[in-house]
Protein backbone atom coordinates (compact mmCIF):
# COMPACT_ATOMS: atom_id res chain seq x y z
CA ALA A 1 -15.48 -19.59 15.54
CA TRP A 2 -13.15 -16.81 15.78
CA TYR A 3 -13.54 -13.46 14.18
CA ILE A 4 -10.26 -12.31 12.22
CA PRO A 5 -9.81 -8.63 12.08
CA TYR A 6 -9.98 -6.92 9.07
CA ASN A 7 -6.18 -5.93 9.95
CA GLY A 8 -4.89 -9.52 9.47
CA VAL A 9 -3.48 -10.26 12.56
CA VAL A 10 -4.42 -12.70 15.50
CA THR A 11 -3.25 -13.25 19.04
CA GLN A 12 -0.97 -16.11 19.90
CA ALA A 13 -4.12 -17.81 21.51
CA MET A 14 -6.38 -17.47 18.24
CA ALA A 15 -3.26 -18.83 16.27
CA ALA A 16 -3.29 -21.87 18.45
CA ASP A 17 -6.77 -22.34 18.30
CA ILE A 18 -6.92 -22.11 14.36
CA LEU A 19 -3.99 -24.74 13.95
CA ASP A 20 -4.99 -26.86 16.54
CA VAL A 21 -1.99 -26.59 18.78
CA SER A 22 -1.21 -25.62 22.38
CA VAL A 23 -0.20 -21.98 23.09
CA MET A 24 3.16 -23.34 24.25
CA THR A 25 3.97 -24.85 20.89
CA ILE A 26 3.11 -21.45 19.24
CA ASN A 27 5.49 -19.86 21.60
CA ASN A 28 8.04 -22.27 20.87
CA TRP A 29 7.83 -21.55 17.17
CA VAL A 30 8.09 -18.14 18.08
CA ASN A 31 11.17 -18.72 20.08
CA THR A 32 12.89 -20.90 17.42
CA GLY A 33 12.01 -18.68 14.70
CA LEU A 34 9.49 -20.72 12.66
CA LEU A 35 6.73 -18.28 13.05
CA LYS A 36 7.04 -14.06 13.24
CA THR A 37 5.10 -11.96 15.83
CA ILE A 38 3.96 -8.25 15.41
CA LYS A 39 4.98 -6.57 18.60
CA GLN A 40 3.39 -3.65 20.08
CA LYS A 41 3.41 -2.01 23.11
CA GLY A 42 0.48 -2.91 25.71
CA VAL A 43 -0.89 -5.69 22.91
CA PRO A 44 -0.43 -9.46 22.86
CA SER A 45 2.41 -10.42 20.27
CA LEU A 46 0.20 -10.92 17.06
CA VAL A 47 0.62 -13.23 14.33
CA THR A 48 -0.22 -12.40 10.70
CA LEU A 49 -2.56 -14.49 8.54
CA TYR A 50 0.40 -14.87 5.97
CA ASP A 51 2.37 -16.52 8.51
CA LEU A 52 -0.78 -18.50 10.03
CA LYS A 53 -1.42 -19.87 6.78
CA ARG A 54 2.07 -21.02 5.86
CA MET A 55 2.58 -22.72 9.12
CA ARG A 56 -0.90 -24.58 8.63
CA LYS A 57 0.18 -25.85 5.52
CA ARG A 58 3.51 -27.23 7.42
CA VAL A 59 1.12 -28.92 10.46
CA LEU A 60 -1.04 -30.51 7.72
CA GLU A 61 2.15 -31.93 6.25
CA GLN A 62 3.27 -33.39 9.31
CA ARG A 63 -0.10 -34.72 10.60
CA ARG A 64 -0.28 -36.67 6.73
CA ARG A 65 3.48 -38.16 7.59
CA ARG A 66 2.00 -39.93 10.86
CA LEU A 67 -1.01 -41.53 9.27
């Protein structure tokens, strides 16, 4: 279980775990523009909960189509 910070952002590793995908998938989504990140100096890229929820819907839709 992850603790979601009060500021509403998570690291890419946390986002990958929450969405049940690999960190490489998260990186690919960031590189293609599907997922936006916040970059701060000295801190790993962060994903907002808004974008995380949006991508979760997309992931769930794709998984339903495969069934």
